[in-house]
Each structure stands twice: as C-alpha cells, then as structure tokens.
Amino acid sequence: MCGIVGVVGNKNATDILMQGLEKLEYRGYDSAGIYVTNGVNQGRLIKSVGRIA
C-alpha cells in the first residue's frame, strides 16, 4: 500500500510531513521521502528505506 502527504504554504512543513509519514507507516512501509522547497527552485530531498522513527 502507499500514501501521500502534502503541505502547501507552511513554515513548519517538515514537522507536519514527518507526522503524516509516521501515521502512514503502519499501512506497510518500504521507504519514505520528503521534498521541501522554498518556492524559488531551491529544495531539499530527504529519503530513507525502512521505518520512519
């Protein structure tokens, strides 16, 4: 199973995304990732295999 969590226009997006990924984790995890951008083509990608915590 898979799930998607998204946040638009929030300075605390990373914290909100992590909470969302943790809630989706029990649906069956293989990997997780976060991409955060400041809106001017500068972003940060974080990804990992396994459990969120």
PDB file of N, CA and C in Angstrom:
ATOM      1  N   MET A   1       0.830  -1.187   0.000  1.00  0.00           N
ATOM      2  CA  MET A   1       0.000   0.000   0.000  1.00  0.00           C
ATOM      3  C   MET A   1       0.868   1.242   0.000  1.00  0.00           C
ATOM      4  N   CYS A   2       0.311   2.329  -0.449  1.00  0.00           N
ATOM      5  CA  CYS A   2       1.066   3.573  -0.453  1.00  0.00           C
ATOM      6  C   CYS A   2       0.173   4.711   0.014  1.00  0.00           C
ATOM      7  N   GLY A   3       0.794   5.812   0.357  1.00  0.00           N
ATOM      8  CA  GLY A   3       0.059   7.005   0.770  1.00  0.00           C
ATOM      9  C   GLY A   3       0.896   8.231   0.481  1.00  0.00           C
ATOM     10  N   ILE A   4       0.239   9.348   0.363  1.00  0.00           N
ATOM     11  CA  ILE A   4       0.919  10.609   0.070  1.00  0.00           C
ATOM     12  C   ILE A   4       0.456  11.646   1.082  1.00  0.00           C
ATOM     13  N   VAL A   5       1.402  12.425   1.590  1.00  0.00           N
ATOM     14  CA  VAL A   5       1.110  13.534   2.493  1.00  0.00           C
ATOM     15  C   VAL A   5       1.681  14.786   1.847  1.00  0.00           C
ATOM     16  N   GLY A   6       0.939  15.875   1.858  1.00  0.00           N
ATOM     17  CA  GLY A   6       1.426  17.120   1.266  1.00  0.00           C
ATOM     18  C   GLY A   6       1.072  18.321   2.120  1.00  0.00           C
ATOM     19  N   VAL A   7       1.920  19.346   2.061  1.00  0.00           N
ATOM     20  CA  VAL A   7       1.698  20.597   2.784  1.00  0.00           C
ATOM     21  C   VAL A   7       2.055  21.735   1.839  1.00  0.00           C
ATOM     22  N   VAL A   8       1.213  22.762   1.791  1.00  0.00           N
ATOM     23  CA  VAL A   8       1.489  23.939   0.969  1.00  0.00           C
ATOM     24  C   VAL A   8       1.446  25.168   1.867  1.00  0.00           C
ATOM     25  N   GLY A   9       2.486  26.014   1.768  1.00  0.00           N
ATOM     26  CA  GLY A   9       2.466  27.311   2.429  1.00  0.00           C
ATOM     27  C   GLY A   9       2.564  27.288   3.934  1.00  0.00           C
ATOM     28  N   ASN A  10       3.422  26.444   4.491  1.00  0.00           N
ATOM     29  CA  ASN A  10       3.572  26.401   5.936  1.00  0.00           C
ATOM     30  C   ASN A  10       5.050  26.380   6.282  1.00  0.00           C
ATOM     31  N   LYS A  11       5.467  27.248   7.181  1.00  0.00           N
ATOM     32  CA  LYS A  11       6.877  27.311   7.568  1.00  0.00           C
ATOM     33  C   LYS A  11       7.321  26.064   8.320  1.00  0.00           C
ATOM     34  N   ASN A  12       6.383  25.341   8.922  1.00  0.00           N
ATOM     35  CA  ASN A  12       6.699  24.126   9.670  1.00  0.00           C
ATOM     36  C   ASN A  12       6.377  22.874   8.862  1.00  0.00           C
ATOM     37  N   ALA A  13       6.536  22.946   7.565  1.00  0.00           N
ATOM     38  CA  ALA A  13       6.138  21.842   6.687  1.00  0.00           C
ATOM     39  C   ALA A  13       6.864  20.544   7.019  1.00  0.00           C
ATOM     40  N   THR A  14       8.149  20.600   7.330  1.00  0.00           N
ATOM     41  CA  THR A  14       8.900  19.378   7.593  1.00  0.00           C
ATOM     42  C   THR A  14       8.327  18.630   8.787  1.00  0.00           C
ATOM     43  N   ASP A  15       8.003  19.334   9.853  1.00  0.00           N
ATOM     44  CA  ASP A  15       7.421  18.688  11.035  1.00  0.00           C
ATOM     45  C   ASP A  15       6.075  18.051  10.707  1.00  0.00           C
ATOM     46  N   ILE A  16       5.247  18.763   9.955  1.00  0.00           N
ATOM     47  CA  ILE A  16       3.929  18.246   9.579  1.00  0.00           C
ATOM     48  C   ILE A  16       4.071  17.020   8.684  1.00  0.00           C
ATOM     49  N   LEU A  17       5.003  17.061   7.740  1.00  0.00           N
ATOM     50  CA  LEU A  17       5.223  15.925   6.847  1.00  0.00           C
ATOM     51  C   LEU A  17       5.716  14.703   7.613  1.00  0.00           C
ATOM     52  N   MET A  18       6.616  14.903   8.564  1.00  0.00           N
ATOM     53  CA  MET A  18       7.106  13.777   9.364  1.00  0.00           C
ATOM     54  C   MET A  18       5.969  13.135  10.156  1.00  0.00           C
ATOM     55  N   GLN A  19       5.095  13.940  10.740  1.00  0.00           N
ATOM     56  CA  GLN A  19       3.952  13.400  11.476  1.00  0.00           C
ATOM     57  C   GLN A  19       3.039  12.605  10.544  1.00  0.00           C
ATOM     58  N   GLY A  20       2.812  13.127   9.354  1.00  0.00           N
ATOM     59  CA  GLY A  20       1.978  12.425   8.381  1.00  0.00           C
ATOM     60  C   GLY A  20       2.587  11.112   7.947  1.00  0.00           C
ATOM     61  N   LEU A  21       3.899  11.105   7.704  1.00  0.00           N
ATOM     62  CA  LEU A  21       4.577   9.868   7.308  1.00  0.00           C
ATOM     63  C   LEU A  21       4.547   8.841   8.430  1.00  0.00           C
ATOM     64  N   GLU A  22       4.690   9.302   9.671  1.00  0.00           N
ATOM     65  CA  GLU A  22       4.618   8.374  10.802  1.00  0.00           C
ATOM     66  C   GLU A  22       3.242   7.719  10.888  1.00  0.00           C
ATOM     67  N   LYS A  23       2.183   8.462  10.597  1.00  0.00           N
ATOM     68  CA  LYS A  23       0.834   7.894  10.629  1.00  0.00           C
ATOM     69  C   LYS A  23       0.614   6.903   9.487  1.00  0.00           C
ATOM     70  N   LEU A  24       1.233   7.152   8.341  1.00  0.00           N
ATOM     71  CA  LEU A  24       1.098   6.243   7.200  1.00  0.00           C
ATOM     72  C   LEU A  24       1.968   4.999   7.344  1.00  0.00           C
ATOM     73  N   GLU A  25       2.945   5.051   8.214  1.00  0.00           N
ATOM     74  CA  GLU A  25       3.910   3.969   8.358  1.00  0.00           C
ATOM     75  C   GLU A  25       3.237   2.624   8.634  1.00  0.00           C
ATOM     76  N   TYR A  26       2.158   2.600   9.363  1.00  0.00           N
ATOM     77  CA  TYR A  26       1.509   1.351   9.751  1.00  0.00           C
ATOM     78  C   TYR A  26       0.687   0.746   8.626  1.00  0.00           C
ATOM     79  N   ARG A  27       0.612   1.415   7.491  1.00  0.00           N
ATOM     80  CA  ARG A  27      -0.075   0.862   6.320  1.00  0.00           C
ATOM     81  C   ARG A  27       0.841  -0.089   5.568  1.00  0.00           C
ATOM     82  N   GLY A  28       2.064  -0.217   6.000  1.00  0.00           N
ATOM     83  CA  GLY A  28       3.058  -1.041   5.333  1.00  0.00           C
ATOM     84  C   GLY A  28       4.140  -0.147   4.776  1.00  0.00           C
ATOM     85  N   TYR A  29       5.324  -0.241   5.315  1.00  0.00           N
ATOM     86  CA  TYR A  29       6.388   0.668   4.904  1.00  0.00           C
ATOM     87  C   TYR A  29       7.428  -0.062   4.068  1.00  0.00           C
ATOM     88  N   ASP A  30       7.921   0.589   3.089  1.00  0.00           N
ATOM     89  CA  ASP A  30       9.079   0.148   2.328  1.00  0.00           C
ATOM     90  C   ASP A  30      10.125   1.243   2.348  1.00  0.00           C
ATOM     91  N   SER A  31       9.672   2.462   2.119  1.00  0.00           N
ATOM     92  CA  SER A  31      10.573   3.607   2.121  1.00  0.00           C
ATOM     93  C   SER A  31       9.742   4.865   2.301  1.00  0.00           C
ATOM     94  N   ALA A  32      10.437   5.974   2.553  1.00  0.00           N
ATOM     95  CA  ALA A  32       9.748   7.252   2.737  1.00  0.00           C
ATOM     96  C   ALA A  32      10.646   8.360   2.219  1.00  0.00           C
ATOM     97  N   GLY A  33      10.041   9.467   1.858  1.00  0.00           N
ATOM     98  CA  GLY A  33      10.826  10.600   1.387  1.00  0.00           C
ATOM     99  C   GLY A  33      10.099  11.906   1.610  1.00  0.00           C
ATOM    100  N   ILE A  34      10.880  12.970   1.715  1.00  0.00           N
ATOM    101  CA  ILE A  34      10.337  14.321   1.866  1.00  0.00           C
ATOM    102  C   ILE A  34      11.078  15.223   0.889  1.00  0.00           C
ATOM    103  N   TYR A  35      10.338  16.077   0.208  1.00  0.00           N
ATOM    104  CA  TYR A  35      10.943  17.119  -0.620  1.00  0.00           C
ATOM    105  C   TYR A  35      10.357  18.444  -0.169  1.00  0.00           C
ATOM    106  N   VAL A  36      11.217  19.359   0.245  1.00  0.00           N
ATOM    107  CA  VAL A  36      10.793  20.671   0.728  1.00  0.00           C
ATOM    108  C   VAL A  36      11.446  21.725  -0.152  1.00  0.00           C
ATOM    109  N   THR A  37      10.656  22.710  -0.612  1.00  0.00           N
ATOM    110  CA  THR A  37      11.189  23.785  -1.448  1.00  0.00           C
ATOM    111  C   THR A  37      10.736  25.133  -0.907  1.00  0.00           C
ATOM    112  N   ASN A  38      11.542  26.150  -1.155  1.00  0.00           N
ATOM    113  CA  ASN A  38      11.176  27.496  -0.716  1.00  0.00           C
ATOM    114  C   ASN A  38      10.437  28.264  -1.805  1.00  0.00           C
ATOM    115  N   GLY A  39      10.122  27.612  -2.908  1.00  0.00           N
ATOM    116  CA  GLY A  39       9.334  28.233  -3.964  1.00  0.00           C
ATOM    117  C   GLY A  39      10.144  28.923  -5.044  1.00  0.00           C
ATOM    118  N   VAL A  40      11.453  28.983  -4.906  1.00  0.00           N
ATOM    119  CA  VAL A  40      12.288  29.606  -5.939  1.00  0.00           C
ATOM    120  C   VAL A  40      13.324  28.601  -6.454  1.00  0.00           C
ATOM    121  N   ASN A  41      12.835  27.385  -6.723  1.00  0.00           N
ATOM    122  CA  ASN A  41      13.655  26.325  -7.311  1.00  0.00           C
ATOM    123  C   ASN A  41      14.837  25.916  -6.447  1.00  0.00           C
ATOM    124  N   GLN A  42      14.742  26.116  -5.153  1.00  0.00           N
ATOM    125  CA  GLN A  42      15.749  25.607  -4.231  1.00  0.00           C
ATOM    126  C   GLN A  42      15.041  24.646  -3.299  1.00  0.00           C
ATOM    127  N   GLY A  43      15.468  23.409  -3.293  1.00  0.00           N
ATOM    128  CA  GLY A  43      14.768  22.421  -2.489  1.00  0.00           C
ATOM    129  C   GLY A  43      15.722  21.486  -1.788  1.00  0.00           C
ATOM    130  N   ARG A  44      15.156  20.655  -0.937  1.00  0.00           N
ATOM    131  CA  ARG A  44      15.927  19.665  -0.201  1.00  0.00           C
ATOM    132  C   ARG A  44      15.169  18.351  -0.248  1.00  0.00           C
ATOM    133  N   LEU A  45      15.848  17.288  -0.608  1.00  0.00           N
ATOM    134  CA  LEU A  45      15.251  15.959  -0.701  1.00  0.00           C
ATOM    135  C   LEU A  45      15.827  15.088   0.405  1.00  0.00           C
ATOM    136  N   ILE A  46      14.945  14.443   1.154  1.00  0.00           N
ATOM    137  CA  ILE A  46      15.355  13.522   2.204  1.00  0.00           C
ATOM    138  C   ILE A  46      14.621  12.215   1.945  1.00  0.00           C
ATOM    139  N   LYS A  47      15.346  11.109   1.843  1.00  0.00           N
ATOM    140  CA  LYS A  47      14.672   9.828   1.639  1.00  0.00           C
ATOM    141  C   LYS A  47      15.409   8.735   2.391  1.00  0.00           C
ATOM    142  N   SER A  48      14.669   7.670   2.698  1.00  0.00           N
ATOM    143  CA  SER A  48      15.223   6.601   3.502  1.00  0.00           C
ATOM    144  C   SER A  48      14.428   5.324   3.267  1.00  0.00           C
ATOM    145  N   VAL A  49      15.053   4.199   3.512  1.00  0.00           N
ATOM    146  CA  VAL A  49      14.390   2.906   3.428  1.00  0.00           C
ATOM    147  C   VAL A  49      14.169   2.418   4.851  1.00  0.00           C
ATOM    148  N   GLY A  50      12.991   1.873   5.119  1.00  0.00           N
ATOM    149  CA  GLY A  50      12.715   1.330   6.442  1.00  0.00           C
ATOM    150  C   GLY A  50      11.787   2.205   7.259  1.00  0.00           C
ATOM    151  N   ARG A  51      11.836   2.018   8.569  1.00  0.00           N
ATOM    152  CA  ARG A  51      10.931   2.711   9.487  1.00  0.00           C
ATOM    153  C   ARG A  51      11.211   4.210   9.528  1.00  0.00           C
ATOM    154  N   ILE A  52      10.146   5.003   9.779  1.00  0.00           N
ATOM    155  CA  ILE A  52      10.253   6.459   9.859  1.00  0.00           C
ATOM    156  C   ILE A  52      11.014   6.876  11.103  1.00  0.00           C
ATOM    157  N   ALA A  53      10.625   6.320  12.243  1.00  0.00           N
ATOM    158  CA  ALA A  53      11.242   6.700  13.520  1.00  0.00           C
ATOM    159  C   ALA A  53      12.607   6.128  13.572  1.00  0.00           C
TER     160      ALA A  53
END
